[in-house]
């Protein structure tokens, strides 16, 4: 488990009308910090393309909520 020393104000999934989706989004409004996670229901390892897609989608969320 990752301990970053803060408690999130919100934990939920996120999606938009274009079909972009992030499984886990946690937000801390006081420090303007967001964490993003992807859930894969498989025992197979994922490649870096999954991480790159998550990073790209996280930029969409940060634009909407005003985080950097």
C-alpha atoms as a PDB file:
ATOM      1  CA  UNK A   1       0.000   0.000   0.000  1.00  0.00           C
ATOM      2  CA  UNK A   2       1.184   3.490  -0.849  1.00  0.00           C
ATOM      3  CA  UNK A   3       1.239   5.901   2.104  1.00  0.00           C
ATOM      4  CA  UNK A   4       1.400   9.485   0.874  1.00  0.00           C
ATOM      5  CA  UNK A   5       0.365  11.113   4.133  1.00  0.00           C
ATOM      6  CA  UNK A   6      -3.039  12.428   3.133  1.00  0.00           C
ATOM      7  CA  UNK A   7      -6.650  11.347   3.183  1.00  0.00           C
ATOM      8  CA  UNK A   8      -8.583  11.723  -0.054  1.00  0.00           C
ATOM      9  CA  UNK A   9     -11.766  13.785  -0.087  1.00  0.00           C
ATOM     10  CA  UNK A  10     -13.219  11.707  -2.910  1.00  0.00           C
ATOM     11  CA  UNK A  11     -12.657   8.216  -4.297  1.00  0.00           C
ATOM     12  CA  UNK A  12     -14.576   7.175  -7.394  1.00  0.00           C
ATOM     13  CA  UNK A  13     -14.414   6.221 -11.034  1.00  0.00           C
ATOM     14  CA  UNK A  14     -14.514   8.771 -13.840  1.00  0.00           C
ATOM     15  CA  UNK A  15     -15.751   8.748 -17.435  1.00  0.00           C
ATOM     16  CA  UNK A  16     -16.828  11.165 -20.125  1.00  0.00           C
ATOM     17  CA  UNK A  17     -19.212  11.041 -23.072  1.00  0.00           C
ATOM     18  CA  UNK A  18     -16.407  10.212 -25.513  1.00  0.00           C
ATOM     19  CA  UNK A  19     -15.873   6.885 -23.786  1.00  0.00           C
ATOM     20  CA  UNK A  20     -12.715   7.713 -21.828  1.00  0.00           C
ATOM     21  CA  UNK A  21     -12.771   5.963 -18.448  1.00  0.00           C
ATOM     22  CA  UNK A  22     -10.569   5.772 -15.352  1.00  0.00           C
ATOM     23  CA  UNK A  23     -11.366   3.052 -12.835  1.00  0.00           C
ATOM     24  CA  UNK A  24     -10.083   4.804  -9.698  1.00  0.00           C
ATOM     25  CA  UNK A  25      -9.699   8.543  -9.102  1.00  0.00           C
ATOM     26  CA  UNK A  26      -8.829   9.901  -5.658  1.00  0.00           C
ATOM     27  CA  UNK A  27      -8.817  13.633  -4.975  1.00  0.00           C
ATOM     28  CA  UNK A  28      -7.492  15.765  -2.114  1.00  0.00           C
ATOM     29  CA  UNK A  29      -8.889  19.280  -2.487  1.00  0.00           C
ATOM     30  CA  UNK A  30      -6.709  20.911   0.162  1.00  0.00           C
ATOM     31  CA  UNK A  31      -3.426  19.963  -1.519  1.00  0.00           C
ATOM     32  CA  UNK A  32      -4.864  19.689  -5.065  1.00  0.00           C
ATOM     33  CA  UNK A  33      -3.510  16.165  -5.481  1.00  0.00           C
ATOM     34  CA  UNK A  34      -5.083  13.436  -7.570  1.00  0.00           C
ATOM     35  CA  UNK A  35      -4.183   9.760  -7.906  1.00  0.00           C
ATOM     36  CA  UNK A  36      -5.385   7.576 -10.751  1.00  0.00           C
ATOM     37  CA  UNK A  37      -5.639   3.800 -11.050  1.00  0.00           C
ATOM     38  CA  UNK A  38      -6.529   1.201 -13.634  1.00  0.00           C
ATOM     39  CA  UNK A  39      -8.029  -2.163 -12.705  1.00  0.00           C
ATOM     40  CA  UNK A  40      -7.421  -5.162 -14.930  1.00  0.00           C
ATOM     41  CA  UNK A  41      -9.249  -8.413 -14.177  1.00  0.00           C
ATOM     42  CA  UNK A  42      -6.531 -10.677 -15.502  1.00  0.00           C
ATOM     43  CA  UNK A  43      -3.487 -12.513 -14.207  1.00  0.00           C
ATOM     44  CA  UNK A  44      -1.556 -11.376 -17.268  1.00  0.00           C
ATOM     45  CA  UNK A  45       0.951  -8.560 -16.954  1.00  0.00           C
ATOM     46  CA  UNK A  46       0.078  -5.344 -18.739  1.00  0.00           C
ATOM     47  CA  UNK A  47       2.397  -3.385 -20.982  1.00  0.00           C
ATOM     48  CA  UNK A  48       3.386   0.256 -20.728  1.00  0.00           C
ATOM     49  CA  UNK A  49       0.625   1.185 -23.179  1.00  0.00           C
ATOM     50  CA  UNK A  50      -1.876   0.802 -20.305  1.00  0.00           C
ATOM     51  CA  UNK A  51       0.128   3.262 -18.182  1.00  0.00           C
ATOM     52  CA  UNK A  52       0.510   5.687 -21.085  1.00  0.00           C
ATOM     53  CA  UNK A  53      -3.261   5.601 -21.719  1.00  0.00           C
ATOM     54  CA  UNK A  54      -3.944   6.236 -18.016  1.00  0.00           C
ATOM     55  CA  UNK A  55      -1.603   9.230 -18.015  1.00  0.00           C
ATOM     56  CA  UNK A  56      -3.317  10.619 -21.100  1.00  0.00           C
ATOM     57  CA  UNK A  57      -6.792  10.169 -19.589  1.00  0.00           C
ATOM     58  CA  UNK A  58      -5.671  11.681 -16.269  1.00  0.00           C
ATOM     59  CA  UNK A  59      -4.875  14.922 -18.100  1.00  0.00           C
ATOM     60  CA  UNK A  60      -8.558  15.108 -19.121  1.00  0.00           C
ATOM     61  CA  UNK A  61      -9.644  14.832 -15.477  1.00  0.00           C
ATOM     62  CA  UNK A  62      -7.129  17.389 -14.246  1.00  0.00           C
ATOM     63  CA  UNK A  63      -8.410  19.891 -16.820  1.00  0.00           C
ATOM     64  CA  UNK A  64     -12.000  19.436 -15.597  1.00  0.00           C
ATOM     65  CA  UNK A  65     -11.215  19.758 -11.879  1.00  0.00           C
ATOM     66  CA  UNK A  66      -8.512  22.422 -12.177  1.00  0.00           C
ATOM     67  CA  UNK A  67      -5.611  20.419 -10.729  1.00  0.00           C
ATOM     68  CA  UNK A  68      -2.126  20.546 -12.237  1.00  0.00           C
END
